[in-house]
Amino acid sequence: MSDNDTRREQIVRAWEDAWDRGETAGMEALLSPDYRRITATNQDGENREQFLAVIQTTREAFPDLTTVVDEIVIEGDHAAIRW
C-alpha cells in the first residue's frame, strides 16, 4: 500500500468520524494548526477551530447526517476532499 493510500484511509476515517458521528478528535489531529478551509462563499477561509465548530453545529442541526467522500486529491503534504 502506498503512502497516499494510507493517507486516503486516514482522511476518510477522520472525515466519517467527524461528519457522520460528531467525533472530531481524529480530524483535529489530522489537520495542520494553520489549516484553512476555502469555500465558494468564504474565500478568506475558516481556520481549524472554526471548521471543527462548523462540524459540531451541523451535527447538532442534522444528527442523522451521513456523508460520502467522492474524491481525495493528494499532492505533497496537501489534500483536497470532494464530497
PDB file of N, CA and C in Angstrom:
ATOM      1  N   MET A   1       0.847  -1.179   0.000  1.00  0.00           N
ATOM      2  CA  MET A   1       0.000   0.000   0.000  1.00  0.00           C
ATOM      3  C   MET A   1       0.893   1.241   0.000  1.00  0.00           C
ATOM      4  N   SER A   2       0.580   2.194  -0.855  1.00  0.00           N
ATOM      5  CA  SER A   2       1.393   3.405  -0.958  1.00  0.00           C
ATOM      6  C   SER A   2       1.090   4.363   0.192  1.00  0.00           C
ATOM      7  N   ASP A   3       1.992   5.320   0.382  1.00  0.00           N
ATOM      8  CA  ASP A   3       1.771   6.343   1.405  1.00  0.00           C
ATOM      9  C   ASP A   3       0.472   7.096   1.141  1.00  0.00           C
ATOM     10  N   ASN A   4       0.186   7.395  -0.130  1.00  0.00           N
ATOM     11  CA  ASN A   4      -1.040   8.123  -0.461  1.00  0.00           C
ATOM     12  C   ASN A   4      -2.276   7.300  -0.140  1.00  0.00           C
ATOM     13  N   ASP A   5      -2.222   5.990  -0.350  1.00  0.00           N
ATOM     14  CA  ASP A   5      -3.362   5.134   0.012  1.00  0.00           C
ATOM     15  C   ASP A   5      -3.592   5.155   1.519  1.00  0.00           C
ATOM     16  N   THR A   6      -2.513   5.091   2.275  1.00  0.00           N
ATOM     17  CA  THR A   6      -2.609   5.154   3.737  1.00  0.00           C
ATOM     18  C   THR A   6      -3.188   6.498   4.164  1.00  0.00           C
ATOM     19  N   ARG A   7      -2.710   7.568   3.545  1.00  0.00           N
ATOM     20  CA  ARG A   7      -3.222   8.906   3.880  1.00  0.00           C
ATOM     21  C   ARG A   7      -4.698   9.026   3.523  1.00  0.00           C
ATOM     22  N   ARG A   8      -5.101   8.469   2.376  1.00  0.00           N
ATOM     23  CA  ARG A   8      -6.523   8.492   1.990  1.00  0.00           C
ATOM     24  C   ARG A   8      -7.372   7.784   3.039  1.00  0.00           C
ATOM     25  N   GLU A   9      -6.917   6.627   3.508  1.00  0.00           N
ATOM     26  CA  GLU A   9      -7.661   5.888   4.530  1.00  0.00           C
ATOM     27  C   GLU A   9      -7.778   6.709   5.817  1.00  0.00           C
ATOM     28  N   GLN A  10      -6.697   7.360   6.223  1.00  0.00           N
ATOM     29  CA  GLN A  10      -6.722   8.197   7.423  1.00  0.00           C
ATOM     30  C   GLN A  10      -7.702   9.354   7.258  1.00  0.00           C
ATOM     31  N   ILE A  11      -7.689   9.968   6.085  1.00  0.00           N
ATOM     32  CA  ILE A  11      -8.569  11.102   5.819  1.00  0.00           C
ATOM     33  C   ILE A  11     -10.024  10.656   5.840  1.00  0.00           C
ATOM     34  N   VAL A  12     -10.331   9.558   5.156  1.00  0.00           N
ATOM     35  CA  VAL A  12     -11.718   9.071   5.122  1.00  0.00           C
ATOM     36  C   VAL A  12     -12.183   8.710   6.530  1.00  0.00           C
ATOM     37  N   ARG A  13     -11.346   8.033   7.295  1.00  0.00           N
ATOM     38  CA  ARG A  13     -11.724   7.648   8.666  1.00  0.00           C
ATOM     39  C   ARG A  13     -12.002   8.885   9.522  1.00  0.00           C
ATOM     40  N   ALA A  14     -11.105   9.877   9.457  1.00  0.00           N
ATOM     41  CA  ALA A  14     -11.296  11.105  10.246  1.00  0.00           C
ATOM     42  C   ALA A  14     -12.533  11.854   9.782  1.00  0.00           C
ATOM     43  N   TRP A  15     -12.753  11.906   8.457  1.00  0.00           N
ATOM     44  CA  TRP A  15     -13.915  12.598   7.889  1.00  0.00           C
ATOM     45  C   TRP A  15     -15.212  11.946   8.360  1.00  0.00           C
ATOM     46  N   GLU A  16     -15.299  10.622   8.220  1.00  0.00           N
ATOM     47  CA  GLU A  16     -16.518   9.913   8.617  1.00  0.00           C
ATOM     48  C   GLU A  16     -16.757  10.013  10.116  1.00  0.00           C
ATOM     49  N   ASP A  17     -15.693   9.889  10.915  1.00  0.00           N
ATOM     50  CA  ASP A  17     -15.856  10.039  12.362  1.00  0.00           C
ATOM     51  C   ASP A  17     -16.424  11.412  12.692  1.00  0.00           C
ATOM     52  N   ALA A  18     -15.889  12.444  12.059  1.00  0.00           N
ATOM     53  CA  ALA A  18     -16.308  13.818  12.368  1.00  0.00           C
ATOM     54  C   ALA A  18     -17.710  14.113  11.841  1.00  0.00           C
ATOM     55  N   TRP A  19     -17.892  13.983  10.525  1.00  0.00           N
ATOM     56  CA  TRP A  19     -19.157  14.398   9.915  1.00  0.00           C
ATOM     57  C   TRP A  19     -20.306  13.430  10.189  1.00  0.00           C
ATOM     58  N   ASP A  20     -20.032  12.124  10.219  1.00  0.00           N
ATOM     59  CA  ASP A  20     -21.107  11.149  10.360  1.00  0.00           C
ATOM     60  C   ASP A  20     -21.402  10.793  11.810  1.00  0.00           C
ATOM     61  N   ARG A  21     -20.432  11.011  12.728  1.00  0.00           N
ATOM     62  CA  ARG A  21     -20.634  10.629  14.119  1.00  0.00           C
ATOM     63  C   ARG A  21     -20.378  11.753  15.121  1.00  0.00           C
ATOM     64  N   GLY A  22     -19.841  12.880  14.641  1.00  0.00           N
ATOM     65  CA  GLY A  22     -19.590  14.013  15.536  1.00  0.00           C
ATOM     66  C   GLY A  22     -18.348  13.859  16.390  1.00  0.00           C
ATOM     67  N   GLU A  23     -17.488  12.895  16.048  1.00  0.00           N
ATOM     68  CA  GLU A  23     -16.259  12.650  16.803  1.00  0.00           C
ATOM     69  C   GLU A  23     -15.107  13.350  16.076  1.00  0.00           C
ATOM     70  N   THR A  24     -14.739  14.532  16.538  1.00  0.00           N
ATOM     71  CA  THR A  24     -13.797  15.371  15.785  1.00  0.00           C
ATOM     72  C   THR A  24     -12.331  15.213  16.191  1.00  0.00           C
ATOM     73  N   ALA A  25     -12.023  14.374  17.158  1.00  0.00           N
ATOM     74  CA  ALA A  25     -10.629  14.243  17.614  1.00  0.00           C
ATOM     75  C   ALA A  25      -9.703  13.807  16.479  1.00  0.00           C
ATOM     76  N   GLY A  26     -10.124  12.861  15.664  1.00  0.00           N
ATOM     77  CA  GLY A  26      -9.295  12.406  14.552  1.00  0.00           C
ATOM     78  C   GLY A  26      -9.065  13.495  13.524  1.00  0.00           C
ATOM     79  N   MET A  27     -10.103  14.267  13.250  1.00  0.00           N
ATOM     80  CA  MET A  27      -9.984  15.370  12.298  1.00  0.00           C
ATOM     81  C   MET A  27      -9.050  16.442  12.858  1.00  0.00           C
ATOM     82  N   GLU A  28      -9.188  16.742  14.127  1.00  0.00           N
ATOM     83  CA  GLU A  28      -8.332  17.746  14.755  1.00  0.00           C
ATOM     84  C   GLU A  28      -6.866  17.313  14.685  1.00  0.00           C
ATOM     85  N   ALA A  29      -6.602  16.026  14.929  1.00  0.00           N
ATOM     86  CA  ALA A  29      -5.230  15.520  14.874  1.00  0.00           C
ATOM     87  C   ALA A  29      -4.683  15.530  13.451  1.00  0.00           C
ATOM     88  N   LEU A  30      -5.545  15.320  12.484  1.00  0.00           N
ATOM     89  CA  LEU A  30      -5.127  15.246  11.084  1.00  0.00           C
ATOM     90  C   LEU A  30      -4.815  16.618  10.493  1.00  0.00           C
ATOM     91  N   LEU A  31      -5.560  17.637  10.909  1.00  0.00           N
ATOM     92  CA  LEU A  31      -5.427  18.969  10.308  1.00  0.00           C
ATOM     93  C   LEU A  31      -4.262  19.744  10.915  1.00  0.00           C
ATOM     94  N   SER A  32      -3.539  20.419  10.070  1.00  0.00           N
ATOM     95  CA  SER A  32      -2.439  21.281  10.488  1.00  0.00           C
ATOM     96  C   SER A  32      -2.984  22.445  11.317  1.00  0.00           C
ATOM     97  N   PRO A  33      -2.197  22.954  12.272  1.00  0.00           N
ATOM     98  CA  PRO A  33      -2.643  24.133  13.036  1.00  0.00           C
ATOM     99  C   PRO A  33      -2.934  25.350  12.152  1.00  0.00           C
ATOM    100  N   ASP A  34      -2.296  25.422  10.971  1.00  0.00           N
ATOM    101  CA  ASP A  34      -2.554  26.555  10.079  1.00  0.00           C
ATOM    102  C   ASP A  34      -3.529  26.195   8.954  1.00  0.00           C
ATOM    103  N   TYR A  35      -4.322  25.160   9.172  1.00  0.00           N
ATOM    104  CA  TYR A  35      -5.336  24.715   8.210  1.00  0.00           C
ATOM    105  C   TYR A  35      -6.288  25.845   7.832  1.00  0.00           C
ATOM    106  N   ARG A  36      -6.658  25.892   6.555  1.00  0.00           N
ATOM    107  CA  ARG A  36      -7.663  26.835   6.072  1.00  0.00           C
ATOM    108  C   ARG A  36      -8.646  26.071   5.201  1.00  0.00           C
ATOM    109  N   ARG A  37      -9.932  26.253   5.444  1.00  0.00           N
ATOM    110  CA  ARG A  37     -10.975  25.663   4.604  1.00  0.00           C
ATOM    111  C   ARG A  37     -11.538  26.776   3.730  1.00  0.00           C
ATOM    112  N   ILE A  38     -11.268  26.700   2.444  1.00  0.00           N
ATOM    113  CA  ILE A  38     -11.724  27.704   1.485  1.00  0.00           C
ATOM    114  C   ILE A  38     -12.972  27.161   0.799  1.00  0.00           C
ATOM    115  N   THR A  39     -14.008  27.977   0.720  1.00  0.00           N
ATOM    116  CA  THR A  39     -15.240  27.574   0.047  1.00  0.00           C
ATOM    117  C   THR A  39     -15.634  28.647  -0.957  1.00  0.00           C
ATOM    118  N   ALA A  40     -16.617  28.326  -1.774  1.00  0.00           N
ATOM    119  CA  ALA A  40     -17.103  29.290  -2.768  1.00  0.00           C
ATOM    120  C   ALA A  40     -17.665  30.535  -2.109  1.00  0.00           C
ATOM    121  N   THR A  41     -18.225  30.393  -0.926  1.00  0.00           N
ATOM    122  CA  THR A  41     -18.838  31.535  -0.235  1.00  0.00           C
ATOM    123  C   THR A  41     -17.912  32.178   0.790  1.00  0.00           C
ATOM    124  N   ASN A  42     -16.744  31.593   1.032  1.00  0.00           N
ATOM    125  CA  ASN A  42     -15.821  32.137   2.023  1.00  0.00           C
ATOM    126  C   ASN A  42     -14.391  32.004   1.504  1.00  0.00           C
ATOM    127  N   GLN A  43     -13.991  32.957   0.689  1.00  0.00           N
ATOM    128  CA  GLN A  43     -12.666  32.926   0.088  1.00  0.00           C
ATOM    129  C   GLN A  43     -11.542  33.158   1.096  1.00  0.00           C
ATOM    130  N   ASP A  44     -11.859  33.812   2.227  1.00  0.00           N
ATOM    131  CA  ASP A  44     -10.857  34.006   3.272  1.00  0.00           C
ATOM    132  C   ASP A  44     -10.611  32.720   4.037  1.00  0.00           C
ATOM    133  N   GLY A  45     -11.614  31.866   4.069  1.00  0.00           N
ATOM    134  CA  GLY A  45     -11.486  30.555   4.693  1.00  0.00           C
ATOM    135  C   GLY A  45     -11.751  30.557   6.180  1.00  0.00           C
ATOM    136  N   GLU A  46     -11.872  29.337   6.690  1.00  0.00           N
ATOM    137  CA  GLU A  46     -12.052  29.108   8.129  1.00  0.00           C
ATOM    138  C   GLU A  46     -10.789  28.450   8.651  1.00  0.00           C
ATOM    139  N   ASN A  47     -10.412  28.780   9.885  1.00  0.00           N
ATOM    140  CA  ASN A  47      -9.270  28.094  10.471  1.00  0.00           C
ATOM    141  C   ASN A  47      -9.730  26.746  11.037  1.00  0.00           C
ATOM    142  N   ARG A  48      -8.812  25.982  11.570  1.00  0.00           N
ATOM    143  CA  ARG A  48      -9.128  24.639  12.058  1.00  0.00           C
ATOM    144  C   ARG A  48     -10.219  24.644  13.119  1.00  0.00           C
ATOM    145  N   GLU A  49     -10.129  25.535  14.078  1.00  0.00           N
ATOM    146  CA  GLU A  49     -11.113  25.577  15.159  1.00  0.00           C
ATOM    147  C   GLU A  49     -12.498  25.957  14.629  1.00  0.00           C
ATOM    148  N   GLN A  50     -12.552  26.900  13.706  1.00  0.00           N
ATOM    149  CA  GLN A  50     -13.831  27.287  13.107  1.00  0.00           C
ATOM    150  C   GLN A  50     -14.436  26.124  12.324  1.00  0.00           C
ATOM    151  N   PHE A  51     -13.605  25.406  11.576  1.00  0.00           N
ATOM    152  CA  PHE A  51     -14.081  24.261  10.809  1.00  0.00           C
ATOM    153  C   PHE A  51     -14.635  23.177  11.726  1.00  0.00           C
ATOM    154  N   LEU A  52     -13.932  22.864  12.802  1.00  0.00           N
ATOM    155  CA  LEU A  52     -14.419  21.856  13.747  1.00  0.00           C
ATOM    156  C   LEU A  52     -15.724  22.303  14.397  1.00  0.00           C
ATOM    157  N   ALA A  53     -15.857  23.595  14.670  1.00  0.00           N
ATOM    158  CA  ALA A  53     -17.106  24.124  15.224  1.00  0.00           C
ATOM    159  C   ALA A  53     -18.248  23.994  14.223  1.00  0.00           C
ATOM    160  N   VAL A  54     -17.977  24.206  12.940  1.00  0.00           N
ATOM    161  CA  VAL A  54     -18.994  24.032  11.895  1.00  0.00           C
ATOM    162  C   VAL A  54     -19.476  22.584  11.877  1.00  0.00           C
ATOM    163  N   ILE A  55     -18.556  21.651  12.019  1.00  0.00           N
ATOM    164  CA  ILE A  55     -18.950  20.245  12.051  1.00  0.00           C
ATOM    165  C   ILE A  55     -19.897  19.990  13.219  1.00  0.00           C
ATOM    166  N   GLN A  56     -19.545  20.480  14.390  1.00  0.00           N
ATOM    167  CA  GLN A  56     -20.389  20.265  15.570  1.00  0.00           C
ATOM    168  C   GLN A  56     -21.758  20.925  15.409  1.00  0.00           C
ATOM    169  N   THR A  57     -21.793  22.135  14.898  1.00  0.00           N
ATOM    170  CA  THR A  57     -23.056  22.843  14.685  1.00  0.00           C
ATOM    171  C   THR A  57     -23.927  22.104  13.667  1.00  0.00           C
ATOM    172  N   THR A  58     -23.296  21.644  12.601  1.00  0.00           N
ATOM    173  CA  THR A  58     -24.031  20.900  11.572  1.00  0.00           C
ATOM    174  C   THR A  58     -24.580  19.597  12.144  1.00  0.00           C
ATOM    175  N   ARG A  59     -23.779  18.897  12.937  1.00  0.00           N
ATOM    176  CA  ARG A  59     -24.227  17.643  13.551  1.00  0.00           C
ATOM    177  C   ARG A  59     -25.394  17.884  14.518  1.00  0.00           C
ATOM    178  N   GLU A  60     -25.373  19.000  15.231  1.00  0.00           N
ATOM    179  CA  GLU A  60     -26.487  19.328  16.131  1.00  0.00           C
ATOM    180  C   GLU A  60     -27.770  19.573  15.343  1.00  0.00           C
ATOM    181  N   ALA A  61     -27.651  20.241  14.217  1.00  0.00           N
ATOM    182  CA  ALA A  61     -28.828  20.533  13.395  1.00  0.00           C
ATOM    183  C   ALA A  61     -29.323  19.302  12.640  1.00  0.00           C
ATOM    184  N   PHE A  62     -28.394  18.438  12.245  1.00  0.00           N
ATOM    185  CA  PHE A  62     -28.725  17.247  11.451  1.00  0.00           C
ATOM    186  C   PHE A  62     -28.060  16.017  12.069  1.00  0.00           C
ATOM    187  N   PRO A  63     -28.592  15.518  13.177  1.00  0.00           N
ATOM    188  CA  PRO A  63     -27.920  14.427  13.893  1.00  0.00           C
ATOM    189  C   PRO A  63     -27.824  13.115  13.107  1.00  0.00           C
ATOM    190  N   ASP A  64     -28.652  12.925  12.101  1.00  0.00           N
ATOM    191  CA  ASP A  64     -28.606  11.693  11.308  1.00  0.00           C
ATOM    192  C   ASP A  64     -27.797  11.858  10.020  1.00  0.00           C
ATOM    193  N   LEU A  65     -27.070  12.948   9.894  1.00  0.00           N
ATOM    194  CA  LEU A  65     -26.299  13.236   8.692  1.00  0.00           C
ATOM    195  C   LEU A  65     -25.291  12.134   8.394  1.00  0.00           C
ATOM    196  N   THR A  66     -25.235  11.722   7.152  1.00  0.00           N
ATOM    197  CA  THR A  66     -24.147  10.866   6.663  1.00  0.00           C
ATOM    198  C   THR A  66     -23.601  11.509   5.394  1.00  0.00           C
ATOM    199  N   THR A  67     -22.327  11.331   5.164  1.00  0.00           N
ATOM    200  CA  THR A  67     -21.680  11.944   4.015  1.00  0.00           C
ATOM    201  C   THR A  67     -20.988  10.865   3.185  1.00  0.00           C
ATOM    202  N   VAL A  68     -20.649  11.226   1.965  1.00  0.00           N
ATOM    203  CA  VAL A  68     -19.912  10.332   1.077  1.00  0.00           C
ATOM    204  C   VAL A  68     -18.735  11.118   0.508  1.00  0.00           C
ATOM    205  N   VAL A  69     -17.545  10.605   0.700  1.00  0.00           N
ATOM    206  CA  VAL A  69     -16.357  11.205   0.105  1.00  0.00           C
ATOM    207  C   VAL A  69     -16.258  10.694  -1.331  1.00  0.00           C
ATOM    208  N   ASP A  70     -16.360  11.604  -2.290  1.00  0.00           N
ATOM    209  CA  ASP A  70     -16.310  11.230  -3.700  1.00  0.00           C
ATOM    210  C   ASP A  70     -14.882  11.128  -4.225  1.00  0.00           C
ATOM    211  N   GLU A  71     -14.012  11.992  -3.725  1.00  0.00           N
ATOM    212  CA  GLU A  71     -12.651  12.013  -4.264  1.00  0.00           C
ATOM    213  C   GLU A  71     -11.715  12.682  -3.273  1.00  0.00           C
ATOM    214  N   ILE A  72     -10.508  12.168  -3.206  1.00  0.00           N
ATOM    215  CA  ILE A  72      -9.449  12.798  -2.419  1.00  0.00           C
ATOM    216  C   ILE A  72      -8.258  12.986  -3.350  1.00  0.00           C
ATOM    217  N   VAL A  73      -7.780  14.214  -3.427  1.00  0.00           N
ATOM    218  CA  VAL A  73      -6.611  14.531  -4.244  1.00  0.00           C
ATOM    219  C   VAL A  73      -5.482  14.877  -3.286  1.00  0.00           C
ATOM    220  N   ILE A  74      -4.376  14.176  -3.440  1.00  0.00           N
ATOM    221  CA  ILE A  74      -3.225  14.403  -2.568  1.00  0.00           C
ATOM    222  C   ILE A  74      -2.055  14.834  -3.426  1.00  0.00           C
ATOM    223  N   GLU A  75      -1.434  15.937  -3.004  1.00  0.00           N
ATOM    224  CA  GLU A  75      -0.226  16.417  -3.670  1.00  0.00           C
ATOM    225  C   GLU A  75       0.718  16.910  -2.592  1.00  0.00           C
ATOM    226  N   GLY A  76       1.845  16.244  -2.457  1.00  0.00           N
ATOM    227  CA  GLY A  76       2.779  16.607  -1.405  1.00  0.00           C
ATOM    228  C   GLY A  76       2.135  16.426  -0.050  1.00  0.00           C
ATOM    229  N   ASP A  77       2.199  17.478   0.772  1.00  0.00           N
ATOM    230  CA  ASP A  77       1.574  17.392   2.098  1.00  0.00           C
ATOM    231  C   ASP A  77       0.210  18.064   2.145  1.00  0.00           C
ATOM    232  N   HIS A  78      -0.404  18.274   0.975  1.00  0.00           N
ATOM    233  CA  HIS A  78      -1.743  18.868   0.884  1.00  0.00           C
ATOM    234  C   HIS A  78      -2.730  17.832   0.376  1.00  0.00           C
ATOM    235  N   ALA A  79      -3.961  17.949   0.846  1.00  0.00           N
ATOM    236  CA  ALA A  79      -5.032  17.062   0.365  1.00  0.00           C
ATOM    237  C   ALA A  79      -6.295  17.894   0.208  1.00  0.00           C
ATOM    238  N   ALA A  80      -7.094  17.516  -0.786  1.00  0.00           N
ATOM    239  CA  ALA A  80      -8.395  18.152  -1.016  1.00  0.00           C
ATOM    240  C   ALA A  80      -9.449  17.046  -1.081  1.00  0.00           C
ATOM    241  N   ILE A  81     -10.614  17.331  -0.519  1.00  0.00           N
ATOM    242  CA  ILE A  81     -11.704  16.353  -0.473  1.00  0.00           C
ATOM    243  C   ILE A  81     -12.888  16.922  -1.250  1.00  0.00           C
ATOM    244  N   ARG A  82     -13.432  16.088  -2.121  1.00  0.00           N
ATOM    245  CA  ARG A  82     -14.684  16.435  -2.796  1.00  0.00           C
ATOM    246  C   ARG A  82     -15.720  15.470  -2.276  1.00  0.00           C
ATOM    247  N   TRP A  83     -16.799  16.055  -1.748  1.00  0.00           N
ATOM    248  CA  TRP A  83     -17.844  15.214  -1.155  1.00  0.00           C
ATOM    249  C   TRP A  83     -19.195  15.668  -1.581  1.00  0.00           C
TER     250      TRP A  83
END
